[in-house]
Amino acid sequence: MTLTATHRPDAPILLHGFKLSGHSHRAEMFLELLGLPYTFRQVDLAGGEHKTPAFLAKNAFGQVPVIEDGDTVVADSTAILVYLAQRYAPGRWIPADPAGQAGVQRWLSAASGMVAFGPCAARLVTLFNGDFNPAEVIARAHRLLKVMEGELAARDWLVGSAPTLADVAVYTYVAHAPEGNVSLDDYPHVRAWLARIEALPGFVAMPQSKVGLRA
């Protein structure tokens, strides 16, 4: 089955994001995987643009990413993934069966939990001086990676036999975990999974930062 969208928007989707945000990259990467037309608009996080009334009208939480698809505004990276999948490639990126849907939801929850407070938080420490305990978030990242390593030893993708939103949601912060001093050396199945995602048609990488183990 094709990875790309089954139909296209009337006008390019507007993505409000930040190029070094893994949350933003999830949305950008999925737009590329779907082959959808879009315009990327860099939000001035350092200047506090995300806290202005104009931006808060799009996302009251004051966070990137946000997309505008015609009159539809969607905030939150995983919500954006679900919207794009259901709107433009229904039946492809979210399994049709209840068990498959639950499997994807499990990893979307992990993306907002163990991923956000593991490899994402570890990277925030080194890249943006994030206020986290480095040892704690690095340890959490390795707990996540051990689970992923075990599950990916049995299959190529996080859910089922083909890529799903689960893979898109988890990819970026795991790929950039070394920037937060989280080594991937002990996780060959995770590294092979990253390579499979990077080989998908339309894949686009997030810029690497020379911090942590990549300094």
N, C-alpha and C. Protein backbone atom coordinates (compact mmCIF):
# COMPACT_ATOMS: atom_id res chain seq x y z
N MET A 1 0.85 -1.20 0.00
CA MET A 1 0.00 0.00 0.00
C MET A 1 0.88 1.25 0.00
N THR A 2 0.48 2.26 -0.73
CA THR A 2 1.28 3.48 -0.83
C THR A 2 1.40 4.20 0.51
N LEU A 3 2.55 4.85 0.72
CA LEU A 3 2.76 5.63 1.93
C LEU A 3 2.18 7.03 1.82
N THR A 4 1.97 7.49 0.61
CA THR A 4 1.60 8.88 0.39
C THR A 4 0.11 9.11 0.57
N ALA A 5 -0.26 10.39 0.58
CA ALA A 5 -1.66 10.76 0.77
C ALA A 5 -2.51 10.29 -0.39
N THR A 6 -3.77 9.98 -0.09
CA THR A 6 -4.69 9.56 -1.13
C THR A 6 -5.36 10.75 -1.80
N HIS A 7 -5.35 11.91 -1.15
CA HIS A 7 -5.81 13.14 -1.79
C HIS A 7 -5.06 14.31 -1.18
N ARG A 8 -5.27 15.51 -1.69
CA ARG A 8 -4.44 16.65 -1.33
C ARG A 8 -5.31 17.82 -0.86
N PRO A 9 -4.72 18.71 -0.06
CA PRO A 9 -5.48 19.89 0.38
C PRO A 9 -5.69 20.87 -0.76
N ASP A 10 -6.66 21.75 -0.60
CA ASP A 10 -6.93 22.76 -1.64
C ASP A 10 -5.80 23.78 -1.74
N ALA A 11 -5.13 24.03 -0.63
CA ALA A 11 -4.01 24.98 -0.59
C ALA A 11 -2.95 24.40 0.34
N PRO A 12 -1.68 24.82 0.20
CA PRO A 12 -0.64 24.29 1.07
C PRO A 12 -0.99 24.47 2.55
N ILE A 13 -0.70 23.44 3.34
CA ILE A 13 -0.88 23.49 4.78
C ILE A 13 0.20 24.39 5.37
N LEU A 14 -0.16 25.21 6.34
CA LEU A 14 0.81 26.08 7.01
C LEU A 14 1.24 25.42 8.31
N LEU A 15 2.52 25.16 8.44
CA LEU A 15 3.08 24.56 9.64
C LEU A 15 3.86 25.61 10.42
N HIS A 16 3.38 25.94 11.60
CA HIS A 16 4.10 26.83 12.51
C HIS A 16 4.99 25.93 13.37
N GLY A 17 6.29 26.09 13.24
CA GLY A 17 7.18 25.18 13.95
C GLY A 17 8.51 25.82 14.31
N PHE A 18 9.42 24.96 14.72
CA PHE A 18 10.77 25.38 15.10
C PHE A 18 11.69 24.26 14.66
N LYS A 19 12.69 24.57 13.86
CA LYS A 19 13.48 23.56 13.19
C LYS A 19 14.24 22.62 14.13
N LEU A 20 14.54 23.05 15.35
CA LEU A 20 15.26 22.19 16.29
C LEU A 20 14.34 21.52 17.30
N SER A 21 13.05 21.63 17.09
CA SER A 21 12.08 20.96 17.95
C SER A 21 11.72 19.60 17.36
N GLY A 22 11.92 18.54 18.14
CA GLY A 22 11.52 17.23 17.69
C GLY A 22 10.02 17.09 17.52
N HIS A 23 9.27 17.79 18.37
CA HIS A 23 7.82 17.78 18.23
C HIS A 23 7.42 18.38 16.88
N SER A 24 8.05 19.48 16.53
CA SER A 24 7.79 20.13 15.25
C SER A 24 8.23 19.23 14.10
N HIS A 25 9.35 18.55 14.28
CA HIS A 25 9.86 17.68 13.22
C HIS A 25 8.90 16.53 12.93
N ARG A 26 8.23 16.02 13.96
CA ARG A 26 7.25 14.95 13.71
C ARG A 26 6.24 15.38 12.65
N ALA A 27 5.72 16.57 12.84
CA ALA A 27 4.71 17.07 11.90
C ALA A 27 5.31 17.30 10.52
N GLU A 28 6.49 17.90 10.48
CA GLU A 28 7.14 18.17 9.19
C GLU A 28 7.47 16.87 8.47
N MET A 29 8.03 15.91 9.18
CA MET A 29 8.39 14.64 8.56
C MET A 29 7.15 13.93 8.01
N PHE A 30 6.04 13.98 8.76
CA PHE A 30 4.85 13.29 8.29
C PHE A 30 4.25 13.97 7.07
N LEU A 31 4.28 15.29 7.03
CA LEU A 31 3.84 16.00 5.84
C LEU A 31 4.66 15.57 4.62
N GLU A 32 5.96 15.41 4.83
CA GLU A 32 6.83 14.98 3.73
C GLU A 32 6.55 13.53 3.34
N LEU A 33 6.36 12.66 4.32
CA LEU A 33 6.07 11.26 4.02
C LEU A 33 4.77 11.12 3.24
N LEU A 34 3.80 11.98 3.57
CA LEU A 34 2.53 11.96 2.87
C LEU A 34 2.61 12.65 1.50
N GLY A 35 3.67 13.42 1.28
CA GLY A 35 3.80 14.14 0.02
C GLY A 35 2.83 15.29 -0.11
N LEU A 36 2.45 15.89 1.02
CA LEU A 36 1.49 16.99 1.01
C LEU A 36 2.18 18.33 0.84
N PRO A 37 1.57 19.26 0.13
CA PRO A 37 2.15 20.61 0.01
C PRO A 37 1.99 21.36 1.32
N TYR A 38 3.05 22.03 1.73
CA TYR A 38 2.97 22.80 2.98
C TYR A 38 4.01 23.92 2.96
N THR A 39 3.78 24.87 3.83
CA THR A 39 4.72 25.97 4.04
C THR A 39 5.16 25.92 5.49
N PHE A 40 6.46 25.95 5.71
CA PHE A 40 6.98 25.96 7.08
C PHE A 40 7.22 27.40 7.52
N ARG A 41 6.66 27.75 8.66
CA ARG A 41 6.87 29.08 9.23
C ARG A 41 7.58 28.94 10.57
N GLN A 42 8.81 29.45 10.65
CA GLN A 42 9.60 29.35 11.87
C GLN A 42 9.05 30.31 12.93
N VAL A 43 8.71 29.76 14.09
CA VAL A 43 8.21 30.56 15.21
C VAL A 43 9.40 31.04 16.04
N ASP A 44 9.42 32.30 16.39
CA ASP A 44 10.51 32.90 17.16
C ASP A 44 10.33 32.57 18.64
N LEU A 45 10.76 31.37 19.02
CA LEU A 45 10.61 30.95 20.42
C LEU A 45 11.48 31.81 21.34
N ALA A 46 12.70 32.11 20.91
CA ALA A 46 13.59 32.92 21.75
C ALA A 46 13.00 34.29 22.02
N GLY A 47 12.27 34.82 21.05
CA GLY A 47 11.65 36.14 21.21
C GLY A 47 10.29 36.09 21.88
N GLY A 48 9.85 34.88 22.23
CA GLY A 48 8.58 34.75 22.94
C GLY A 48 7.35 34.83 22.07
N GLU A 49 7.50 34.61 20.77
CA GLU A 49 6.34 34.70 19.88
C GLU A 49 5.24 33.72 20.26
N HIS A 50 5.65 32.54 20.78
CA HIS A 50 4.66 31.51 21.12
C HIS A 50 3.79 31.89 22.31
N LYS A 51 4.13 32.98 23.00
CA LYS A 51 3.34 33.43 24.14
C LYS A 51 2.52 34.69 23.81
N THR A 52 2.55 35.11 22.56
CA THR A 52 1.79 36.30 22.16
C THR A 52 0.32 35.95 21.98
N PRO A 53 -0.57 36.93 22.10
CA PRO A 53 -1.99 36.66 21.91
C PRO A 53 -2.31 36.03 20.55
N ALA A 54 -1.61 36.46 19.51
CA ALA A 54 -1.89 35.93 18.17
C ALA A 54 -1.58 34.43 18.11
N PHE A 55 -0.46 34.02 18.72
CA PHE A 55 -0.13 32.60 18.68
C PHE A 55 -1.00 31.81 19.65
N LEU A 56 -1.27 32.37 20.83
CA LEU A 56 -2.10 31.67 21.81
C LEU A 56 -3.51 31.44 21.29
N ALA A 57 -3.94 32.25 20.34
CA ALA A 57 -5.24 32.02 19.72
C ALA A 57 -5.23 30.75 18.88
N LYS A 58 -4.04 30.33 18.44
CA LYS A 58 -3.92 29.09 17.67
C LYS A 58 -3.68 27.90 18.59
N ASN A 59 -2.91 28.11 19.65
CA ASN A 59 -2.64 27.05 20.63
C ASN A 59 -2.53 27.69 22.01
N ALA A 60 -3.55 27.50 22.82
CA ALA A 60 -3.60 28.14 24.13
C ALA A 60 -2.49 27.68 25.06
N PHE A 61 -1.86 26.55 24.74
CA PHE A 61 -0.74 26.07 25.54
C PHE A 61 0.57 26.77 25.18
N GLY A 62 0.57 27.55 24.09
CA GLY A 62 1.76 28.29 23.71
C GLY A 62 2.92 27.40 23.29
N GLN A 63 2.63 26.38 22.49
CA GLN A 63 3.67 25.44 22.07
C GLN A 63 3.60 25.22 20.56
N VAL A 64 4.74 24.86 19.99
CA VAL A 64 4.79 24.39 18.60
C VAL A 64 4.83 22.86 18.63
N PRO A 65 4.32 22.25 17.55
CA PRO A 65 3.84 22.83 16.30
C PRO A 65 2.34 23.09 16.31
N VAL A 66 1.94 23.88 15.33
CA VAL A 66 0.53 24.11 15.01
C VAL A 66 0.41 24.07 13.49
N ILE A 67 -0.65 23.46 12.99
CA ILE A 67 -0.89 23.53 11.55
C ILE A 67 -2.20 24.25 11.28
N GLU A 68 -2.25 24.91 10.13
CA GLU A 68 -3.48 25.49 9.62
C GLU A 68 -3.74 24.87 8.26
N ASP A 69 -4.84 24.14 8.18
CA ASP A 69 -5.26 23.48 6.95
C ASP A 69 -6.59 24.10 6.54
N GLY A 70 -6.52 25.15 5.73
CA GLY A 70 -7.73 25.91 5.43
C GLY A 70 -8.24 26.55 6.71
N ASP A 71 -9.49 26.29 7.06
CA ASP A 71 -10.07 26.85 8.27
C ASP A 71 -9.82 26.00 9.51
N THR A 72 -9.15 24.87 9.33
CA THR A 72 -8.91 23.95 10.45
C THR A 72 -7.55 24.23 11.07
N VAL A 73 -7.53 24.47 12.37
CA VAL A 73 -6.30 24.68 13.12
C VAL A 73 -6.12 23.51 14.07
N VAL A 74 -4.95 22.87 14.02
CA VAL A 74 -4.68 21.73 14.89
C VAL A 74 -3.36 21.98 15.61
N ALA A 75 -3.39 21.89 16.94
CA ALA A 75 -2.19 22.04 17.76
C ALA A 75 -1.85 20.70 18.40
N ASP A 76 -0.58 20.55 18.81
CA ASP A 76 -0.04 19.36 19.46
C ASP A 76 0.44 18.38 18.38
N SER A 77 1.68 17.94 18.53
CA SER A 77 2.30 17.14 17.47
C SER A 77 1.58 15.82 17.22
N THR A 78 1.20 15.09 18.26
CA THR A 78 0.54 13.82 18.02
C THR A 78 -0.88 14.02 17.48
N ALA A 79 -1.55 15.08 17.94
CA ALA A 79 -2.87 15.39 17.38
C ALA A 79 -2.76 15.72 15.90
N ILE A 80 -1.70 16.42 15.52
CA ILE A 80 -1.47 16.75 14.11
C ILE A 80 -1.26 15.48 13.30
N LEU A 81 -0.49 14.54 13.85
CA LEU A 81 -0.27 13.28 13.13
C LEU A 81 -1.59 12.55 12.89
N VAL A 82 -2.42 12.48 13.92
CA VAL A 82 -3.71 11.78 13.78
C VAL A 82 -4.59 12.49 12.75
N TYR A 83 -4.64 13.82 12.83
CA TYR A 83 -5.46 14.58 11.88
C TYR A 83 -5.01 14.33 10.44
N LEU A 84 -3.71 14.46 10.20
CA LEU A 84 -3.20 14.30 8.83
C LEU A 84 -3.44 12.88 8.32
N ALA A 85 -3.23 11.89 9.18
CA ALA A 85 -3.44 10.51 8.77
C ALA A 85 -4.89 10.25 8.40
N GLN A 86 -5.79 10.70 9.24
CA GLN A 86 -7.21 10.44 9.01
C GLN A 86 -7.78 11.29 7.88
N ARG A 87 -7.24 12.49 7.71
CA ARG A 87 -7.75 13.39 6.68
C ARG A 87 -7.22 13.04 5.29
N TYR A 88 -5.94 12.67 5.21
CA TYR A 88 -5.32 12.54 3.90
C TYR A 88 -4.85 11.13 3.54
N ALA A 89 -4.80 10.21 4.49
CA ALA A 89 -4.41 8.83 4.16
C ALA A 89 -5.15 7.87 5.07
N PRO A 90 -6.48 7.94 5.09
CA PRO A 90 -7.25 7.08 5.99
C PRO A 90 -7.01 5.60 5.73
N GLY A 91 -6.84 4.85 6.82
CA GLY A 91 -6.63 3.43 6.70
C GLY A 91 -5.19 3.01 6.46
N ARG A 92 -4.29 3.99 6.30
CA ARG A 92 -2.90 3.64 5.98
C ARG A 92 -1.98 3.71 7.21
N TRP A 93 -2.01 4.78 7.97
CA TRP A 93 -1.06 4.99 9.05
C TRP A 93 -1.60 4.63 10.43
N ILE A 94 -2.91 4.41 10.51
CA ILE A 94 -3.54 3.91 11.73
C ILE A 94 -4.25 2.62 11.36
N PRO A 95 -3.89 1.50 11.98
CA PRO A 95 -4.52 0.23 11.62
C PRO A 95 -6.04 0.26 11.79
N ALA A 96 -6.71 -0.57 11.03
CA ALA A 96 -8.17 -0.61 11.09
C ALA A 96 -8.68 -1.44 12.26
N ASP A 97 -7.88 -2.42 12.72
CA ASP A 97 -8.36 -3.31 13.77
C ASP A 97 -8.14 -2.68 15.15
N PRO A 98 -9.00 -2.99 16.12
CA PRO A 98 -8.89 -2.40 17.45
C PRO A 98 -7.55 -2.63 18.13
N ALA A 99 -7.00 -3.84 17.98
CA ALA A 99 -5.71 -4.12 18.61
C ALA A 99 -4.61 -3.26 18.00
N GLY A 100 -4.64 -3.09 16.68
CA GLY A 100 -3.65 -2.25 16.02
C GLY A 100 -3.78 -0.80 16.41
N GLN A 101 -5.01 -0.31 16.50
CA GLN A 101 -5.25 1.07 16.93
C GLN A 101 -4.75 1.28 18.36
N ALA A 102 -5.01 0.29 19.23
CA ALA A 102 -4.54 0.40 20.60
C ALA A 102 -3.01 0.40 20.65
N GLY A 103 -2.39 -0.40 19.78
CA GLY A 103 -0.93 -0.43 19.73
C GLY A 103 -0.35 0.91 19.34
N VAL A 104 -0.96 1.57 18.36
CA VAL A 104 -0.50 2.90 17.97
C VAL A 104 -0.72 3.89 19.12
N GLN A 105 -1.88 3.84 19.75
CA GLN A 105 -2.16 4.76 20.85
C GLN A 105 -1.16 4.57 21.99
N ARG A 106 -0.76 3.34 22.24
CA ARG A 106 0.25 3.08 23.27
C ARG A 106 1.52 3.87 23.02
N TRP A 107 1.96 3.89 21.76
CA TRP A 107 3.20 4.60 21.44
C TRP A 107 3.00 6.11 21.33
N LEU A 108 1.81 6.55 20.95
CA LEU A 108 1.53 7.99 21.00
C LEU A 108 1.58 8.47 22.45
N SER A 109 1.06 7.65 23.37
CA SER A 109 1.15 8.00 24.79
C SER A 109 2.60 8.00 25.25
N ALA A 110 3.38 7.03 24.78
CA ALA A 110 4.81 6.99 25.14
C ALA A 110 5.53 8.22 24.60
N ALA A 111 5.13 8.68 23.42
CA ALA A 111 5.77 9.88 22.85
C ALA A 111 5.56 11.09 23.74
N SER A 112 4.41 11.15 24.41
CA SER A 112 4.12 12.27 25.31
C SER A 112 4.58 12.00 26.74
N GLY A 113 5.06 10.78 27.00
CA GLY A 113 5.48 10.40 28.33
C GLY A 113 6.96 10.06 28.39
N MET A 114 7.28 8.78 28.19
CA MET A 114 8.66 8.32 28.32
C MET A 114 9.60 9.00 27.34
N VAL A 115 9.13 9.27 26.12
CA VAL A 115 9.99 9.94 25.14
C VAL A 115 10.22 11.39 25.54
N ALA A 116 9.13 12.08 25.88
CA ALA A 116 9.24 13.50 26.23
C ALA A 116 10.09 13.72 27.48
N PHE A 117 9.97 12.82 28.46
CA PHE A 117 10.69 12.99 29.71
C PHE A 117 11.89 12.07 29.82
N GLY A 118 12.30 11.52 28.67
CA GLY A 118 13.51 10.71 28.58
C GLY A 118 14.47 11.35 27.60
N PRO A 119 14.57 10.83 26.37
CA PRO A 119 15.53 11.38 25.41
C PRO A 119 15.27 12.83 25.04
N CYS A 120 14.01 13.25 24.98
CA CYS A 120 13.71 14.65 24.68
C CYS A 120 14.25 15.56 25.78
N ALA A 121 13.94 15.23 27.04
CA ALA A 121 14.39 16.05 28.16
C ALA A 121 15.91 16.06 28.27
N ALA A 122 16.55 14.91 28.00
CA ALA A 122 18.01 14.86 28.06
C ALA A 122 18.63 15.79 27.03
N ARG A 123 18.03 15.86 25.86
CA ARG A 123 18.52 16.77 24.82
C ARG A 123 18.26 18.22 25.19
N LEU A 124 17.14 18.50 25.84
CA LEU A 124 16.86 19.87 26.28
C LEU A 124 17.92 20.37 27.25
N VAL A 125 18.47 19.45 28.06
CA VAL A 125 19.51 19.84 29.02
C VAL A 125 20.75 20.34 28.29
N THR A 126 21.21 19.60 27.30
CA THR A 126 22.46 19.95 26.63
C THR A 126 22.29 21.06 25.60
N LEU A 127 21.11 21.12 24.96
CA LEU A 127 20.93 22.07 23.86
C LEU A 127 20.35 23.40 24.32
N PHE A 128 19.45 23.35 25.31
CA PHE A 128 18.76 24.57 25.73
C PHE A 128 18.83 24.81 27.24
N ASN A 129 19.76 24.12 27.92
CA ASN A 129 19.91 24.26 29.38
C ASN A 129 18.60 23.96 30.11
N GLY A 130 17.89 22.94 29.66
CA GLY A 130 16.63 22.55 30.28
C GLY A 130 16.79 22.20 31.74
N ASP A 131 15.78 22.51 32.53
CA ASP A 131 15.83 22.32 33.98
C ASP A 131 15.37 20.91 34.34
N PHE A 132 16.22 19.92 34.01
CA PHE A 132 15.95 18.54 34.35
C PHE A 132 17.19 17.95 35.02
N ASN A 133 16.98 16.89 35.78
CA ASN A 133 18.10 16.16 36.37
C ASN A 133 18.69 15.26 35.28
N PRO A 134 19.91 15.53 34.81
CA PRO A 134 20.45 14.77 33.68
C PRO A 134 20.47 13.27 33.93
N ALA A 135 20.92 12.83 35.11
CA ALA A 135 21.01 11.40 35.38
C ALA A 135 19.63 10.75 35.32
N GLU A 136 18.63 11.45 35.83
CA GLU A 136 17.28 10.90 35.86
C GLU A 136 16.71 10.74 34.46
N VAL A 137 16.83 11.77 33.63
CA VAL A 137 16.23 11.68 32.30
C VAL A 137 17.01 10.75 31.39
N ILE A 138 18.33 10.67 31.56
CA ILE A 138 19.12 9.71 30.79
C ILE A 138 18.74 8.29 31.17
N ALA A 139 18.55 8.03 32.45
CA ALA A 139 18.14 6.69 32.89
C ALA A 139 16.77 6.34 32.33
N ARG A 140 15.86 7.31 32.30
CA ARG A 140 14.53 7.07 31.75
C ARG A 140 14.62 6.77 30.26
N ALA A 141 15.52 7.48 29.56
CA ALA A 141 15.71 7.23 28.13
C ALA A 141 16.17 5.80 27.89
N HIS A 142 17.07 5.31 28.72
CA HIS A 142 17.56 3.94 28.53
C HIS A 142 16.48 2.91 28.86
N ARG A 143 15.61 3.20 29.81
CA ARG A 143 14.50 2.28 30.08
C ARG A 143 13.60 2.18 28.85
N LEU A 144 13.34 3.31 28.23
CA LEU A 144 12.55 3.32 27.00
C LEU A 144 13.24 2.52 25.91
N LEU A 145 14.52 2.77 25.71
CA LEU A 145 15.26 2.10 24.64
C LEU A 145 15.33 0.60 24.85
N LYS A 146 15.41 0.16 26.09
CA LYS A 146 15.44 -1.28 26.36
C LYS A 146 14.12 -1.93 25.96
N VAL A 147 13.00 -1.25 26.24
CA VAL A 147 11.70 -1.77 25.82
C VAL A 147 11.63 -1.82 24.29
N MET A 148 12.03 -0.73 23.65
CA MET A 148 12.00 -0.70 22.19
C MET A 148 12.90 -1.78 21.60
N GLU A 149 14.08 -1.96 22.15
CA GLU A 149 15.01 -2.96 21.63
C GLU A 149 14.39 -4.35 21.68
N GLY A 150 13.72 -4.66 22.80
CA GLY A 150 13.10 -5.97 22.92
C GLY A 150 11.98 -6.18 21.93
N GLU A 151 11.16 -5.16 21.74
CA GLU A 151 10.03 -5.30 20.83
C GLU A 151 10.47 -5.30 19.36
N LEU A 152 11.47 -4.49 19.05
CA LEU A 152 11.94 -4.43 17.65
C LEU A 152 12.81 -5.63 17.28
N ALA A 153 13.18 -6.43 18.26
CA ALA A 153 13.89 -7.67 17.95
C ALA A 153 12.95 -8.66 17.27
N ALA A 154 11.63 -8.47 17.49
CA ALA A 154 10.65 -9.42 16.96
C ALA A 154 9.97 -8.92 15.69
N ARG A 155 10.10 -7.64 15.36
CA ARG A 155 9.43 -7.10 14.18
C ARG A 155 10.16 -5.84 13.72
N ASP A 156 9.86 -5.42 12.51
CA ASP A 156 10.55 -4.27 11.91
C ASP A 156 10.01 -2.93 12.39
N TRP A 157 8.74 -2.90 12.80
CA TRP A 157 8.09 -1.65 13.15
C TRP A 157 7.48 -1.75 14.54
N LEU A 158 7.19 -0.62 15.15
CA LEU A 158 6.69 -0.64 16.52
C LEU A 158 5.33 -1.32 16.64
N VAL A 159 4.51 -1.21 15.59
CA VAL A 159 3.18 -1.83 15.59
C VAL A 159 2.97 -2.52 14.25
N GLY A 160 2.72 -3.81 14.28
CA GLY A 160 2.38 -4.51 13.05
C GLY A 160 3.55 -4.68 12.09
N SER A 161 3.21 -4.88 10.82
CA SER A 161 4.21 -5.23 9.81
C SER A 161 4.55 -4.09 8.85
N ALA A 162 4.05 -2.89 9.14
CA ALA A 162 4.31 -1.73 8.28
C ALA A 162 4.43 -0.49 9.16
N PRO A 163 5.05 0.57 8.65
CA PRO A 163 5.17 1.78 9.46
C PRO A 163 3.81 2.39 9.77
N THR A 164 3.68 2.92 10.98
CA THR A 164 2.45 3.57 11.43
C THR A 164 2.81 4.89 12.10
N LEU A 165 1.78 5.58 12.61
CA LEU A 165 2.02 6.81 13.36
C LEU A 165 2.91 6.56 14.57
N ALA A 166 2.91 5.36 15.10
CA ALA A 166 3.77 5.05 16.24
C ALA A 166 5.23 5.33 15.90
N ASP A 167 5.66 4.89 14.74
CA ASP A 167 7.05 5.07 14.32
C ASP A 167 7.36 6.55 14.09
N VAL A 168 6.43 7.27 13.48
CA VAL A 168 6.63 8.69 13.21
C VAL A 168 6.73 9.47 14.52
N ALA A 169 5.88 9.15 15.49
CA ALA A 169 5.83 9.89 16.74
C ALA A 169 7.08 9.69 17.59
N VAL A 170 7.66 8.50 17.53
CA VAL A 170 8.78 8.17 18.42
C VAL A 170 10.14 8.46 17.78
N TYR A 171 10.20 8.46 16.47
CA TYR A 171 11.48 8.50 15.76
C TYR A 171 12.43 9.62 16.19
N THR A 172 11.99 10.87 16.13
CA THR A 172 12.93 12.00 16.14
C THR A 172 13.78 12.06 17.40
N TYR A 173 13.15 11.98 18.56
CA TYR A 173 13.93 12.12 19.79
C TYR A 173 14.80 10.91 20.07
N VAL A 174 14.43 9.74 19.54
CA VAL A 174 15.31 8.58 19.65
C VAL A 174 16.51 8.75 18.72
N ALA A 175 16.26 9.21 17.51
CA ALA A 175 17.36 9.43 16.56
C ALA A 175 18.36 10.45 17.09
N HIS A 176 17.87 11.44 17.82
CA HIS A 176 18.73 12.50 18.33
C HIS A 176 19.09 12.32 19.80
N ALA A 177 18.85 11.12 20.33
CA ALA A 177 19.17 10.84 21.73
C ALA A 177 20.64 11.09 22.07
N PRO A 178 21.60 10.78 21.17
CA PRO A 178 22.99 11.06 21.52
C PRO A 178 23.28 12.53 21.83
N GLU A 179 22.48 13.43 21.30
CA GLU A 179 22.67 14.85 21.61
C GLU A 179 22.38 15.14 23.09
N GLY A 180 21.66 14.25 23.73
CA GLY A 180 21.38 14.37 25.15
C GLY A 180 22.22 13.44 26.00
N ASN A 181 23.34 12.97 25.45
CA ASN A 181 24.25 12.05 26.15
C ASN A 181 23.62 10.68 26.38
N VAL A 182 22.73 10.29 25.49
CA VAL A 182 22.12 8.95 25.54
C VAL A 182 22.67 8.14 24.37
N SER A 183 23.52 7.18 24.68
CA SER A 183 24.14 6.38 23.62
C SER A 183 23.17 5.34 23.08
N LEU A 184 23.23 5.13 21.77
CA LEU A 184 22.43 4.09 21.12
C LEU A 184 23.25 2.84 20.82
N ASP A 185 24.50 2.79 21.30
CA ASP A 185 25.41 1.71 20.95
C ASP A 185 24.88 0.33 21.34
N ASP A 186 24.16 0.25 22.44
CA ASP A 186 23.71 -1.06 22.94
C ASP A 186 22.37 -1.49 22.37
N TYR A 187 21.88 -0.79 21.36
CA TYR A 187 20.53 -1.05 20.85
C TYR A 187 20.54 -1.25 19.33
N PRO A 188 21.08 -2.36 18.86
CA PRO A 188 21.19 -2.58 17.40
C PRO A 188 19.84 -2.63 16.69
N HIS A 189 18.83 -3.19 17.34
CA HIS A 189 17.52 -3.27 16.70
C HIS A 189 16.88 -1.89 16.59
N VAL A 190 17.12 -1.04 17.57
CA VAL A 190 16.63 0.34 17.50
C VAL A 190 17.33 1.08 16.37
N ARG A 191 18.63 0.89 16.26
CA ARG A 191 19.37 1.57 15.19
C ARG A 191 18.91 1.09 13.82
N ALA A 192 18.62 -0.20 13.68
CA ALA A 192 18.13 -0.71 12.40
C ALA A 192 16.75 -0.14 12.09
N TRP A 193 15.92 0.03 13.11
CA TRP A 193 14.59 0.64 12.94
C TRP A 193 14.73 2.09 12.49
N LEU A 194 15.65 2.84 13.08
CA LEU A 194 15.89 4.22 12.65
C LEU A 194 16.27 4.25 11.17
N ALA A 195 17.12 3.32 10.76
CA ALA A 195 17.55 3.29 9.36
C ALA A 195 16.37 2.97 8.43
N ARG A 196 15.46 2.12 8.88
CA ARG A 196 14.29 1.81 8.04
C ARG A 196 13.40 3.04 7.85
N ILE A 197 13.23 3.79 8.92
CA ILE A 197 12.43 5.02 8.80
C ILE A 197 13.12 6.01 7.86
N GLU A 198 14.42 6.15 8.00
CA GLU A 198 15.18 7.09 7.18
C GLU A 198 15.19 6.69 5.71
N ALA A 199 14.88 5.43 5.42
CA ALA A 199 14.83 4.96 4.04
C ALA A 199 13.45 5.11 3.41
N LEU A 200 12.46 5.55 4.19
CA LEU A 200 11.11 5.71 3.65
C LEU A 200 11.08 6.84 2.61
N PRO A 201 10.33 6.69 1.54
CA PRO A 201 10.23 7.77 0.54
C PRO A 201 9.68 9.04 1.16
N GLY A 202 10.38 10.15 0.94
CA GLY A 202 9.94 11.43 1.46
C GLY A 202 10.52 11.79 2.81
N PHE A 203 11.26 10.86 3.44
CA PHE A 203 11.82 11.15 4.76
C PHE A 203 12.66 12.43 4.74
N VAL A 204 12.52 13.25 5.77
CA VAL A 204 13.34 14.44 5.94
C VAL A 204 13.88 14.44 7.36
N ALA A 205 15.17 14.73 7.51
CA ALA A 205 15.82 14.69 8.81
C ALA A 205 15.70 16.03 9.53
N MET A 206 15.76 15.98 10.86
CA MET A 206 15.90 17.20 11.64
C MET A 206 17.39 17.54 11.72
N PRO A 207 17.77 18.82 11.65
CA PRO A 207 19.19 19.17 11.73
C PRO A 207 19.83 18.63 13.01
N GLN A 208 21.05 18.11 12.87
CA GLN A 208 21.78 17.63 14.04
C GLN A 208 22.42 18.81 14.76
N SER A 209 22.57 18.66 16.07
CA SER A 209 23.22 19.67 16.90
C SER A 209 24.48 19.07 17.52
N LYS A 210 25.55 19.82 17.54
CA LYS A 210 26.83 19.33 18.06
C LYS A 210 26.90 19.52 19.58
N VAL A 211 26.06 18.75 20.27
CA VAL A 211 26.04 18.76 21.73
C VAL A 211 26.01 17.32 22.21
N GLY A 212 26.23 17.12 23.52
CA GLY A 212 26.20 15.78 24.08
C GLY A 212 27.24 14.89 23.45
N LEU A 213 26.85 13.69 23.08
CA LEU A 213 27.79 12.74 22.48
C LEU A 213 28.16 13.11 21.06
N ARG A 214 27.48 14.09 20.48
CA ARG A 214 27.79 14.54 19.13
C ARG A 214 28.62 15.83 19.12
N ALA A 215 29.05 16.24 20.29
CA ALA A 215 29.84 17.49 20.38
C ALA A 215 31.20 17.28 19.70
